[in-house]
């Protein structure tokens, strides 16, 4: 493998029905804070909350800025390949929004050299629509779906007022999610402007 090695990632949102899955190809050298942004774009999350990658009891995320609490290691200082080599795992967890507790299982698949002319990361497959932010995690989402579908449910009107009556957990704009991931790839691939001679 070269320095431009790519890994295929399968991301599944745990404890949620209908199934929500994404397949991506990402550089192994991608910093974990950027991997977080890729997952946000691919899933359809809004990046409103804290996150953490966890593998074998080790966490990477946003450390306490005051240094008071022991927390995760800084995701800006670790790459995907570092997480994999330091822990020896082939799968790990990504937790988003500690209040709602959205837990994702990340499985590393095939590794290969980057294809010339392809900008990475790339979103390959999309299954299932991401739940709305702040709906209460997997169990809250199950209640949300039940209330949304049942006009007799106590919370039906509240849910319709919040999200609208056309919410469909199977309807997803895969093209829009792929475009969000591609926008990150394009942004990160820009070359810095050449310095002007004084």
Protein backbone atom coordinates (compact mmCIF):
# COMPACT_ATOMS: atom_id res chain seq x y z
CA UNK A 1 0.00 0.00 0.00
CA UNK A 2 1.14 3.51 -0.76
CA UNK A 3 0.67 6.68 1.27
CA UNK A 4 -2.53 7.10 -0.77
CA UNK A 5 -4.11 3.90 0.58
CA UNK A 6 -7.90 3.83 0.68
CA UNK A 7 -10.21 1.81 2.93
CA UNK A 8 -13.78 0.81 2.22
CA UNK A 9 -15.98 1.58 5.24
CA UNK A 10 -19.39 0.17 6.08
CA UNK A 11 -21.31 2.31 8.58
CA UNK A 12 -24.48 1.01 10.23
CA UNK A 13 -26.61 3.04 12.64
CA UNK A 14 -27.18 0.65 15.55
CA UNK A 15 -30.56 -0.19 17.16
CA UNK A 16 -32.61 1.52 14.42
CA UNK A 17 -35.28 0.12 12.11
CA UNK A 18 -35.63 0.46 9.20
CA UNK A 19 -31.93 -0.21 8.56
CA UNK A 20 -29.65 2.77 7.98
CA UNK A 21 -26.36 1.98 6.25
CA UNK A 22 -23.64 3.80 4.31
CA UNK A 23 -20.63 2.52 2.36
CA UNK A 24 -17.74 4.89 1.73
CA UNK A 25 -14.20 4.86 0.45
CA UNK A 26 -11.90 7.05 2.54
CA UNK A 27 -8.15 7.63 2.73
CA UNK A 28 -6.49 5.72 5.56
CA UNK A 29 -4.51 8.91 6.24
CA UNK A 30 -7.73 10.88 6.89
CA UNK A 31 -7.67 12.64 10.28
CA UNK A 32 -10.44 11.49 12.59
CA UNK A 33 -11.97 14.96 12.92
CA UNK A 34 -12.39 14.95 9.15
CA UNK A 35 -13.76 11.40 9.19
CA UNK A 36 -16.38 12.75 11.61
CA UNK A 37 -17.37 15.38 9.03
CA UNK A 38 -17.56 12.73 6.30
CA UNK A 39 -19.88 10.60 8.43
CA UNK A 40 -22.04 13.62 9.20
CA UNK A 41 -22.37 14.38 5.47
CA UNK A 42 -22.97 10.76 4.42
CA UNK A 43 -25.54 10.03 7.11
CA UNK A 44 -27.39 13.32 6.84
CA UNK A 45 -26.65 14.48 10.38
CA UNK A 46 -26.29 18.23 11.01
CA UNK A 47 -23.10 18.29 13.13
CA UNK A 48 -24.86 19.94 16.09
CA UNK A 49 -23.42 17.69 18.80
CA UNK A 50 -20.23 16.17 20.19
CA UNK A 51 -18.89 12.88 18.87
CA UNK A 52 -16.38 10.18 19.72
CA UNK A 53 -14.70 7.27 17.97
CA UNK A 54 -14.19 4.30 20.30
CA UNK A 55 -12.05 1.19 19.88
CA UNK A 56 -10.96 -1.17 22.66
CA UNK A 57 -11.61 1.34 25.41
CA UNK A 58 -9.80 4.19 23.66
CA UNK A 59 -11.68 7.29 22.51
CA UNK A 60 -10.95 10.08 20.04
CA UNK A 61 -13.06 13.22 19.77
CA UNK A 62 -13.06 16.78 21.02
CA UNK A 63 -11.05 17.01 24.25
CA UNK A 64 -12.12 19.28 27.08
CA UNK A 65 -10.77 22.71 26.07
CA UNK A 66 -10.02 23.52 29.72
CA UNK A 67 -8.22 20.24 30.34
CA UNK A 68 -10.24 19.65 33.51
CA UNK A 69 -11.85 16.36 32.53
CA UNK A 70 -10.18 13.25 31.20
CA UNK A 71 -11.86 12.73 27.90
CA UNK A 72 -11.14 11.47 24.48
CA UNK A 73 -7.84 11.98 22.73
CA UNK A 74 -7.80 14.77 20.17
CA UNK A 75 -9.34 13.56 16.90
CA UNK A 76 -7.45 16.31 15.05
CA UNK A 77 -4.17 14.57 15.91
CA UNK A 78 -5.01 11.00 14.86
CA UNK A 79 -5.62 9.40 11.48
CA UNK A 80 -7.87 6.48 10.65
CA UNK A 81 -4.79 4.32 10.11
CA UNK A 82 -3.53 5.28 13.60
CA UNK A 83 -6.79 4.13 15.19
CA UNK A 84 -6.60 0.82 13.32
CA UNK A 85 -2.91 0.16 14.00
CA UNK A 86 -2.96 1.26 17.65
CA UNK A 87 -5.98 -0.87 18.55
CA UNK A 88 -5.72 -3.72 16.03
CA UNK A 89 -9.46 -3.63 15.31
CA UNK A 90 -11.35 -4.20 12.07
CA UNK A 91 -14.45 -2.51 13.44
CA UNK A 92 -15.05 0.29 15.92
CA UNK A 93 -17.79 2.63 17.15
CA UNK A 94 -18.70 6.18 16.27
CA UNK A 95 -20.99 7.86 18.79
CA UNK A 96 -22.79 11.06 17.88
CA UNK A 97 -24.82 13.22 20.27
CA UNK A 98 -24.20 11.84 23.75
CA UNK A 99 -27.69 12.89 24.85
CA UNK A 100 -29.48 10.91 22.15
CA UNK A 101 -26.71 8.30 21.97
CA UNK A 102 -26.57 7.55 18.24
CA UNK A 103 -24.12 4.66 18.01
CA UNK A 104 -22.72 3.62 14.64
CA UNK A 105 -20.75 0.47 13.89
CA UNK A 106 -17.86 1.14 11.52
CA UNK A 107 -16.45 -1.90 9.71
CA UNK A 108 -13.23 -1.67 7.70
CA UNK A 109 -13.41 -3.61 4.46
CA UNK A 110 -11.05 -3.87 1.55
CA UNK A 111 -7.94 -1.68 1.40
CA UNK A 112 -6.45 -0.61 -1.91
CA UNK A 113 -4.37 2.10 -3.55
CA UNK A 114 -6.20 5.25 -4.59
CA UNK A 115 -7.46 5.29 -8.16
CA UNK A 116 -5.83 8.08 -10.16
CA UNK A 117 -8.23 10.95 -10.80
CA UNK A 118 -10.72 9.98 -8.05
CA UNK A 119 -11.25 12.45 -5.21
CA UNK A 120 -11.69 10.74 -1.86
CA UNK A 121 -13.77 10.31 0.25
CA UNK A 122 -16.52 8.85 -1.96
CA UNK A 123 -20.01 7.77 -0.90
CA UNK A 124 -20.82 4.46 -2.62
CA UNK A 125 -24.08 3.23 -1.12
CA UNK A 126 -26.97 4.68 0.85
CA UNK A 127 -29.70 2.74 2.61
CA UNK A 128 -32.30 4.32 4.88
CA UNK A 129 -32.96 7.89 5.89
CA UNK A 130 -31.16 9.40 8.86
CA UNK A 131 -33.43 10.12 11.86
CA UNK A 132 -34.17 13.76 12.68
CA UNK A 133 -31.74 15.41 15.08
CA UNK A 134 -32.80 15.51 18.73
CA UNK A 135 -35.62 12.97 18.44
CA UNK A 136 -34.41 10.98 21.46
CA UNK A 137 -32.00 8.37 20.10
CA UNK A 138 -32.97 4.95 18.75
CA UNK A 139 -35.86 4.44 21.17
CA UNK A 140 -37.13 7.98 20.74
CA UNK A 141 -36.94 7.51 16.99
CA UNK A 142 -39.04 4.33 17.22
CA UNK A 143 -41.66 6.31 19.18
CA UNK A 144 -41.37 9.17 16.67
CA UNK A 145 -42.09 6.81 13.74
CA UNK A 146 -45.04 5.24 15.56
CA UNK A 147 -46.53 8.63 16.42
CA UNK A 148 -45.94 9.95 12.91
CA UNK A 149 -47.71 7.00 11.27
CA UNK A 150 -50.68 6.81 13.64
CA UNK A 151 -53.18 9.71 13.56
CA UNK A 152 -54.68 8.37 16.80
CA UNK A 153 -51.35 8.52 18.67
CA UNK A 154 -51.16 11.08 21.52
CA UNK A 155 -48.11 12.76 19.97
CA UNK A 156 -49.16 12.58 16.30
CA UNK A 157 -50.07 16.26 15.93
CA UNK A 158 -46.95 17.38 17.80
CA UNK A 159 -44.73 15.26 15.50
CA UNK A 160 -46.50 16.45 12.33
CA UNK A 161 -46.12 20.07 13.44
CA UNK A 162 -42.40 19.48 14.08
CA UNK A 163 -41.39 17.42 11.03
CA UNK A 164 -44.32 17.60 8.59
CA UNK A 165 -46.62 14.84 7.38
CA UNK A 166 -44.45 13.72 4.45
CA UNK A 167 -41.57 12.20 6.47
CA UNK A 168 -40.70 8.78 5.00
CA UNK A 169 -37.89 6.80 6.67
CA UNK A 170 -37.22 4.96 3.40
CA UNK A 171 -37.11 8.06 1.19
CA UNK A 172 -33.62 9.46 0.88
CA UNK A 173 -31.83 11.76 -1.52
CA UNK A 174 -28.68 9.71 -2.06
CA UNK A 175 -27.45 12.17 -4.67
CA UNK A 176 -27.57 15.07 -2.20
CA UNK A 177 -25.63 13.07 0.42
CA UNK A 178 -23.03 12.03 -2.19
CA UNK A 179 -22.70 15.69 -3.24
CA UNK A 180 -22.04 16.70 0.40
CA UNK A 181 -19.27 14.10 0.69
CA UNK A 182 -17.85 15.16 -2.68
CA UNK A 183 -17.84 18.81 -1.56
CA UNK A 184 -15.62 17.83 1.39
CA UNK A 185 -13.30 15.87 -0.93
CA UNK A 186 -13.01 18.86 -3.27
CA UNK A 187 -12.40 21.28 -0.42
CA UNK A 188 -9.67 19.12 1.12
CA UNK A 189 -7.98 18.48 -2.24
CA UNK A 190 -7.39 22.17 -2.98
CA UNK A 191 -3.74 23.10 -3.29
CA UNK A 192 -2.60 26.04 -1.17
CA UNK A 193 -1.90 29.14 -3.20
CA UNK A 194 1.76 29.56 -4.16
CA UNK A 195 3.57 32.12 -2.03
CA UNK A 196 4.33 35.37 -3.74
CA UNK A 197 7.92 36.51 -3.91
CA UNK A 198 8.54 39.72 -1.99
